[in-house]
Amino acid sequence: MSEHAITTITAGVFVGILGVLIKYVGVMDLIAGYDPEKVADEESLADFIGTNALYVAVLTVCVGVLELR
């Protein structure tokens, strides 16, 4: 197995965990530059950022799996 592919898959899984924590658990402190005084709708922000982090995670894992071939 390629060491680079394993690293890529691991990074994708890590980003996926962060996405789940933001979207489903609501850990807003994981969002860079988050200021609760400037955010009008925390739930929508968590949903948006978490969803996009999950998209990045899936794409990263896919790239890692393709590198295994």
N, C-alpha and C. Protein backbone atom coordinates (compact mmCIF):
# COMPACT_ATOMS: atom_id res chain seq x y z
N MET A 1 0.83 -1.19 0.00
CA MET A 1 0.00 0.00 0.00
C MET A 1 0.88 1.25 0.00
N SER A 2 0.38 2.23 -0.64
CA SER A 2 1.11 3.49 -0.74
C SER A 2 0.96 4.29 0.55
N GLU A 3 2.09 4.74 1.05
CA GLU A 3 2.07 5.53 2.28
C GLU A 3 1.32 6.85 2.08
N HIS A 4 1.46 7.41 0.89
CA HIS A 4 0.77 8.66 0.57
C HIS A 4 -0.75 8.47 0.55
N ALA A 5 -1.20 7.36 0.02
CA ALA A 5 -2.64 7.07 -0.03
C ALA A 5 -3.21 6.90 1.37
N ILE A 6 -2.48 6.21 2.22
CA ILE A 6 -2.93 6.01 3.61
C ILE A 6 -3.03 7.35 4.33
N THR A 7 -2.04 8.21 4.11
CA THR A 7 -2.05 9.54 4.73
C THR A 7 -3.24 10.35 4.23
N THR A 8 -3.53 10.27 2.94
CA THR A 8 -4.65 11.01 2.36
C THR A 8 -5.97 10.52 2.92
N ILE A 9 -6.14 9.21 3.02
CA ILE A 9 -7.37 8.65 3.58
C ILE A 9 -7.53 9.04 5.04
N THR A 10 -6.44 8.99 5.79
CA THR A 10 -6.48 9.38 7.21
C THR A 10 -6.87 10.85 7.36
N ALA A 11 -6.32 11.70 6.51
CA ALA A 11 -6.67 13.12 6.55
C ALA A 11 -8.15 13.32 6.23
N GLY A 12 -8.67 12.57 5.27
CA GLY A 12 -10.08 12.66 4.93
C GLY A 12 -10.98 12.23 6.07
N VAL A 13 -10.58 11.17 6.75
CA VAL A 13 -11.36 10.70 7.91
C VAL A 13 -11.33 11.75 9.02
N PHE A 14 -10.17 12.37 9.24
CA PHE A 14 -10.06 13.41 10.26
C PHE A 14 -10.96 14.60 9.94
N VAL A 15 -10.95 15.05 8.70
CA VAL A 15 -11.82 16.16 8.30
C VAL A 15 -13.28 15.75 8.43
N GLY A 16 -13.59 14.50 8.14
CA GLY A 16 -14.96 14.00 8.31
C GLY A 16 -15.41 14.05 9.76
N ILE A 17 -14.52 13.68 10.66
CA ILE A 17 -14.84 13.74 12.10
C ILE A 17 -15.11 15.19 12.50
N LEU A 18 -14.28 16.10 12.02
CA LEU A 18 -14.51 17.52 12.33
C LEU A 18 -15.85 17.99 11.77
N GLY A 19 -16.18 17.55 10.56
CA GLY A 19 -17.47 17.93 9.96
C GLY A 19 -18.64 17.42 10.76
N VAL A 20 -18.55 16.19 11.24
CA VAL A 20 -19.63 15.62 12.06
C VAL A 20 -19.74 16.39 13.37
N LEU A 21 -18.61 16.70 13.99
CA LEU A 21 -18.65 17.45 15.25
C LEU A 21 -19.28 18.83 15.06
N ILE A 22 -19.00 19.47 13.96
CA ILE A 22 -19.57 20.80 13.72
C ILE A 22 -21.05 20.70 13.38
N LYS A 23 -21.39 19.82 12.44
CA LYS A 23 -22.76 19.76 11.93
C LYS A 23 -23.74 19.13 12.93
N TYR A 24 -23.38 18.01 13.50
CA TYR A 24 -24.34 17.26 14.32
C TYR A 24 -24.21 17.49 15.82
N VAL A 25 -23.01 17.82 16.28
CA VAL A 25 -22.81 18.03 17.71
C VAL A 25 -22.86 19.52 18.05
N GLY A 26 -22.54 20.36 17.07
CA GLY A 26 -22.62 21.81 17.27
C GLY A 26 -21.40 22.39 17.95
N VAL A 27 -20.23 21.80 17.73
CA VAL A 27 -18.99 22.31 18.32
C VAL A 27 -18.51 23.47 17.44
N MET A 28 -19.01 24.65 17.74
CA MET A 28 -18.74 25.82 16.92
C MET A 28 -17.31 26.33 17.07
N ASP A 29 -16.63 25.97 18.15
CA ASP A 29 -15.27 26.42 18.37
C ASP A 29 -14.29 25.86 17.33
N LEU A 30 -14.70 24.85 16.59
CA LEU A 30 -13.85 24.27 15.56
C LEU A 30 -13.83 25.11 14.28
N ILE A 31 -14.72 26.09 14.20
CA ILE A 31 -14.78 26.96 13.02
C ILE A 31 -13.80 28.11 13.21
N ALA A 32 -12.85 28.23 12.30
CA ALA A 32 -11.85 29.29 12.39
C ALA A 32 -12.51 30.66 12.26
N GLY A 33 -12.15 31.56 13.15
CA GLY A 33 -12.68 32.91 13.10
C GLY A 33 -14.09 33.06 13.61
N TYR A 34 -14.59 32.04 14.27
CA TYR A 34 -15.98 32.09 14.76
C TYR A 34 -16.10 33.10 15.89
N ASP A 35 -17.03 34.03 15.74
CA ASP A 35 -17.32 35.03 16.76
C ASP A 35 -18.82 35.00 17.02
N PRO A 36 -19.23 34.48 18.20
CA PRO A 36 -20.66 34.33 18.47
C PRO A 36 -21.43 35.65 18.44
N GLU A 37 -20.74 36.78 18.63
CA GLU A 37 -21.42 38.07 18.61
C GLU A 37 -21.78 38.51 17.19
N LYS A 38 -21.10 37.95 16.19
CA LYS A 38 -21.33 38.35 14.80
C LYS A 38 -22.23 37.38 14.05
N VAL A 39 -22.59 36.26 14.66
CA VAL A 39 -23.37 35.24 13.98
C VAL A 39 -24.83 35.36 14.39
N ALA A 40 -25.71 35.50 13.41
CA ALA A 40 -27.14 35.63 13.69
C ALA A 40 -27.81 34.27 13.86
N ASP A 41 -27.38 33.27 13.09
CA ASP A 41 -28.01 31.96 13.11
C ASP A 41 -26.93 30.88 13.22
N GLU A 42 -26.64 30.47 14.43
CA GLU A 42 -25.58 29.50 14.67
C GLU A 42 -25.89 28.14 14.05
N GLU A 43 -27.14 27.73 14.09
CA GLU A 43 -27.51 26.41 13.56
C GLU A 43 -27.28 26.33 12.05
N SER A 44 -27.63 27.38 11.34
CA SER A 44 -27.41 27.40 9.89
C SER A 44 -25.92 27.43 9.55
N LEU A 45 -25.15 28.18 10.34
CA LEU A 45 -23.71 28.23 10.10
C LEU A 45 -23.08 26.86 10.34
N ALA A 46 -23.47 26.19 11.42
CA ALA A 46 -22.95 24.86 11.72
C ALA A 46 -23.34 23.87 10.62
N ASP A 47 -24.55 23.98 10.13
CA ASP A 47 -25.00 23.09 9.06
C ASP A 47 -24.20 23.33 7.78
N PHE A 48 -24.00 24.58 7.43
CA PHE A 48 -23.28 24.93 6.21
C PHE A 48 -21.82 24.48 6.27
N ILE A 49 -21.13 24.87 7.33
CA ILE A 49 -19.71 24.54 7.46
C ILE A 49 -19.52 23.03 7.62
N GLY A 50 -20.35 22.39 8.43
CA GLY A 50 -20.24 20.95 8.64
C GLY A 50 -20.49 20.17 7.37
N THR A 51 -21.50 20.57 6.61
CA THR A 51 -21.80 19.89 5.35
C THR A 51 -20.64 20.01 4.37
N ASN A 52 -20.09 21.20 4.25
CA ASN A 52 -18.98 21.39 3.32
C ASN A 52 -17.73 20.66 3.77
N ALA A 53 -17.51 20.57 5.07
CA ALA A 53 -16.38 19.78 5.57
C ALA A 53 -16.57 18.30 5.25
N LEU A 54 -17.80 17.82 5.32
CA LEU A 54 -18.08 16.43 4.97
C LEU A 54 -17.87 16.18 3.48
N TYR A 55 -18.23 17.15 2.63
CA TYR A 55 -17.96 17.02 1.20
C TYR A 55 -16.45 16.90 0.94
N VAL A 56 -15.69 17.77 1.59
CA VAL A 56 -14.23 17.73 1.42
C VAL A 56 -13.68 16.39 1.91
N ALA A 57 -14.22 15.90 3.03
CA ALA A 57 -13.76 14.62 3.57
C ALA A 57 -14.01 13.48 2.59
N VAL A 58 -15.20 13.44 2.02
CA VAL A 58 -15.53 12.36 1.07
C VAL A 58 -14.63 12.43 -0.15
N LEU A 59 -14.42 13.62 -0.68
CA LEU A 59 -13.55 13.76 -1.85
C LEU A 59 -12.11 13.38 -1.52
N THR A 60 -11.64 13.74 -0.34
CA THR A 60 -10.27 13.40 0.07
C THR A 60 -10.10 11.90 0.21
N VAL A 61 -11.07 11.24 0.82
CA VAL A 61 -10.99 9.78 0.95
C VAL A 61 -11.04 9.14 -0.43
N CYS A 62 -11.87 9.65 -1.33
CA CYS A 62 -11.94 9.10 -2.69
C CYS A 62 -10.60 9.22 -3.40
N VAL A 63 -9.94 10.35 -3.26
CA VAL A 63 -8.62 10.52 -3.87
C VAL A 63 -7.63 9.51 -3.29
N GLY A 64 -7.67 9.32 -1.99
CA GLY A 64 -6.79 8.33 -1.36
C GLY A 64 -7.05 6.93 -1.85
N VAL A 65 -8.31 6.57 -2.00
CA VAL A 65 -8.65 5.23 -2.48
C VAL A 65 -8.19 5.07 -3.93
N LEU A 66 -8.34 6.09 -4.75
CA LEU A 66 -7.89 6.02 -6.13
C LEU A 66 -6.37 5.89 -6.22
N GLU A 67 -5.67 6.48 -5.25
CA GLU A 67 -4.21 6.37 -5.24
C GLU A 67 -3.74 4.96 -4.90
N LEU A 68 -4.58 4.19 -4.27
CA LEU A 68 -4.21 2.81 -3.92
C LEU A 68 -4.10 1.92 -5.14
N ARG A 69 -4.73 2.30 -6.22
CA ARG A 69 -4.73 1.48 -7.44
C ARG A 69 -3.43 1.58 -8.17
